[in-house]
């Protein structure tokens, strides 16, 4: 029974370590912390010259 408890504790510790590692990686990448760029749509000018009827 102690072997099972030790394996369970090790599994829980591994899950916690993976969650902490994921959180640190996401934070280091800047996801969720940076302001997104201004939405200047560079394609908007090109999209205005489309034909009114399909080909």
N, C-alpha and C. Protein backbone atom coordinates (compact mmCIF):
# COMPACT_ATOMS: atom_id res chain seq x y z
N UNK A 1 0.82 -1.21 0.00
CA UNK A 1 0.00 0.00 0.00
C UNK A 1 0.86 1.26 0.00
N UNK A 2 2.00 1.23 0.66
CA UNK A 2 2.86 2.41 0.67
C UNK A 2 3.45 2.68 -0.71
N UNK A 3 3.68 1.63 -1.48
CA UNK A 3 4.19 1.83 -2.84
C UNK A 3 3.14 2.53 -3.69
N UNK A 4 1.89 2.16 -3.51
CA UNK A 4 0.81 2.81 -4.25
C UNK A 4 0.68 4.28 -3.85
N UNK A 5 0.81 4.57 -2.57
CA UNK A 5 0.73 5.95 -2.10
C UNK A 5 1.91 6.76 -2.62
N UNK A 6 3.09 6.15 -2.67
CA UNK A 6 4.27 6.85 -3.19
C UNK A 6 4.11 7.14 -4.68
N UNK A 7 3.57 6.19 -5.43
CA UNK A 7 3.35 6.41 -6.86
C UNK A 7 2.30 7.49 -7.09
N UNK A 8 1.26 7.49 -6.28
CA UNK A 8 0.23 8.51 -6.40
C UNK A 8 0.79 9.90 -6.08
N UNK A 9 1.61 9.98 -5.03
CA UNK A 9 2.24 11.25 -4.67
C UNK A 9 3.17 11.72 -5.78
N UNK A 10 3.90 10.79 -6.37
CA UNK A 10 4.80 11.14 -7.48
C UNK A 10 4.02 11.61 -8.69
N UNK A 11 2.90 10.98 -8.97
CA UNK A 11 2.05 11.39 -10.09
C UNK A 11 1.49 12.79 -9.86
N UNK A 12 1.02 13.05 -8.66
CA UNK A 12 0.49 14.38 -8.34
C UNK A 12 1.58 15.43 -8.44
N UNK A 13 2.77 15.11 -7.95
CA UNK A 13 3.90 16.04 -8.03
C UNK A 13 4.27 16.32 -9.49
N UNK A 14 4.23 15.30 -10.34
CA UNK A 14 4.55 15.49 -11.76
C UNK A 14 3.51 16.36 -12.44
N UNK A 15 2.24 16.18 -12.09
CA UNK A 15 1.17 17.00 -12.68
C UNK A 15 1.33 18.45 -12.26
N UNK A 16 1.63 18.68 -10.99
CA UNK A 16 1.83 20.06 -10.50
C UNK A 16 3.03 20.69 -11.18
N UNK A 17 4.12 19.94 -11.33
CA UNK A 17 5.32 20.47 -11.98
C UNK A 17 5.04 20.81 -13.44
N UNK A 18 4.27 19.98 -14.13
CA UNK A 18 3.93 20.26 -15.53
C UNK A 18 3.06 21.50 -15.64
N UNK A 19 2.12 21.68 -14.70
CA UNK A 19 1.27 22.87 -14.74
C UNK A 19 2.07 24.13 -14.49
N UNK A 20 3.01 24.08 -13.55
CA UNK A 20 3.86 25.24 -13.27
C UNK A 20 4.73 25.55 -14.48
N UNK A 21 5.28 24.51 -15.09
CA UNK A 21 6.13 24.72 -16.27
C UNK A 21 5.34 25.34 -17.42
N UNK A 22 4.12 24.87 -17.63
CA UNK A 22 3.27 25.44 -18.68
C UNK A 22 2.95 26.90 -18.39
N UNK A 23 2.62 27.21 -17.15
CA UNK A 23 2.29 28.59 -16.79
C UNK A 23 3.49 29.51 -16.99
N UNK A 24 4.67 29.05 -16.61
CA UNK A 24 5.87 29.87 -16.80
C UNK A 24 6.20 30.06 -18.27
N UNK A 25 6.02 29.03 -19.07
CA UNK A 25 6.29 29.14 -20.50
C UNK A 25 5.34 30.11 -21.17
N UNK A 26 4.07 30.03 -20.84
CA UNK A 26 3.08 30.93 -21.44
C UNK A 26 3.36 32.36 -21.01
N UNK A 27 3.70 32.57 -19.75
CA UNK A 27 3.98 33.92 -19.27
C UNK A 27 5.24 34.47 -19.92
N UNK A 28 6.25 33.62 -20.11
CA UNK A 28 7.49 34.08 -20.72
C UNK A 28 7.28 34.46 -22.18
N UNK A 29 6.38 33.75 -22.87
CA UNK A 29 6.08 34.05 -24.27
C UNK A 29 5.29 35.34 -24.42
N UNK A 30 4.71 35.84 -23.34
CA UNK A 30 3.98 37.10 -23.39
C UNK A 30 2.52 36.95 -23.74
N UNK A 31 2.01 35.75 -23.82
CA UNK A 31 0.60 35.56 -24.14
C UNK A 31 -0.27 36.07 -23.00
N UNK A 32 -1.20 36.92 -23.33
CA UNK A 32 -2.12 37.43 -22.32
C UNK A 32 -1.62 38.65 -21.59
N UNK A 33 -0.39 39.07 -21.85
CA UNK A 33 0.13 40.23 -21.14
C UNK A 33 0.37 41.42 -22.06
N UNK A 34 0.55 41.17 -23.31
CA UNK A 34 0.82 42.28 -24.24
C UNK A 34 -0.47 42.80 -24.85
N UNK A 35 -0.46 44.07 -25.19
CA UNK A 35 -1.60 44.67 -25.89
C UNK A 35 -1.50 44.28 -27.36
N UNK A 36 -2.55 43.78 -27.96
CA UNK A 36 -2.47 43.40 -29.37
C UNK A 36 -2.23 44.61 -30.26
N UNK A 37 -1.65 44.41 -31.42
CA UNK A 37 -1.39 45.54 -32.32
C UNK A 37 -2.68 46.17 -32.81
N UNK A 38 -2.57 47.42 -33.20
CA UNK A 38 -3.73 48.15 -33.72
C UNK A 38 -4.21 47.48 -35.00
N UNK A 39 -5.49 47.42 -35.18
CA UNK A 39 -6.08 46.68 -36.30
C UNK A 39 -6.11 47.53 -37.56
N UNK A 40 -4.96 47.90 -38.07
CA UNK A 40 -4.89 48.51 -39.40
C UNK A 40 -4.93 47.37 -40.40
N UNK A 41 -6.01 47.25 -41.07
CA UNK A 41 -6.13 46.14 -42.00
C UNK A 41 -5.46 46.50 -43.32
N UNK A 42 -4.26 45.99 -43.58
CA UNK A 42 -3.57 46.32 -44.83
C UNK A 42 -4.30 45.74 -46.05
N UNK A 43 -5.15 44.76 -45.83
CA UNK A 43 -5.88 44.16 -46.95
C UNK A 43 -7.13 44.95 -47.29
N UNK A 44 -7.51 45.94 -46.47
CA UNK A 44 -8.76 46.67 -46.69
C UNK A 44 -8.72 47.45 -48.00
N UNK A 45 -7.58 48.06 -48.33
CA UNK A 45 -7.48 48.83 -49.57
C UNK A 45 -7.59 47.92 -50.79
N UNK A 46 -6.96 46.75 -50.72
CA UNK A 46 -7.01 45.83 -51.85
C UNK A 46 -8.40 45.22 -52.01
N UNK A 47 -9.12 45.08 -50.92
CA UNK A 47 -10.44 44.45 -50.99
C UNK A 47 -11.49 45.39 -51.56
N UNK A 48 -11.23 46.67 -51.66
CA UNK A 48 -12.22 47.60 -52.17
C UNK A 48 -12.31 47.56 -53.69
N UNK A 49 -11.32 47.04 -54.36
CA UNK A 49 -11.31 47.02 -55.81
C UNK A 49 -11.78 45.69 -56.38
N UNK A 50 -12.56 44.94 -55.61
CA UNK A 50 -13.05 43.66 -56.10
C UNK A 50 -14.17 43.87 -57.12
N UNK A 51 -14.33 42.95 -58.06
CA UNK A 51 -15.44 43.09 -59.02
C UNK A 51 -16.78 42.91 -58.32
N UNK A 52 -17.79 43.59 -58.83
CA UNK A 52 -19.10 43.51 -58.19
C UNK A 52 -19.82 42.22 -58.52
N UNK A 53 -19.46 41.60 -59.64
CA UNK A 53 -20.07 40.33 -60.04
C UNK A 53 -19.01 39.24 -60.09
N UNK A 54 -19.41 38.00 -59.84
CA UNK A 54 -18.42 36.92 -59.96
C UNK A 54 -17.94 36.77 -61.40
N UNK A 55 -16.87 36.10 -61.59
CA UNK A 55 -16.29 35.94 -62.92
C UNK A 55 -17.18 35.17 -63.85
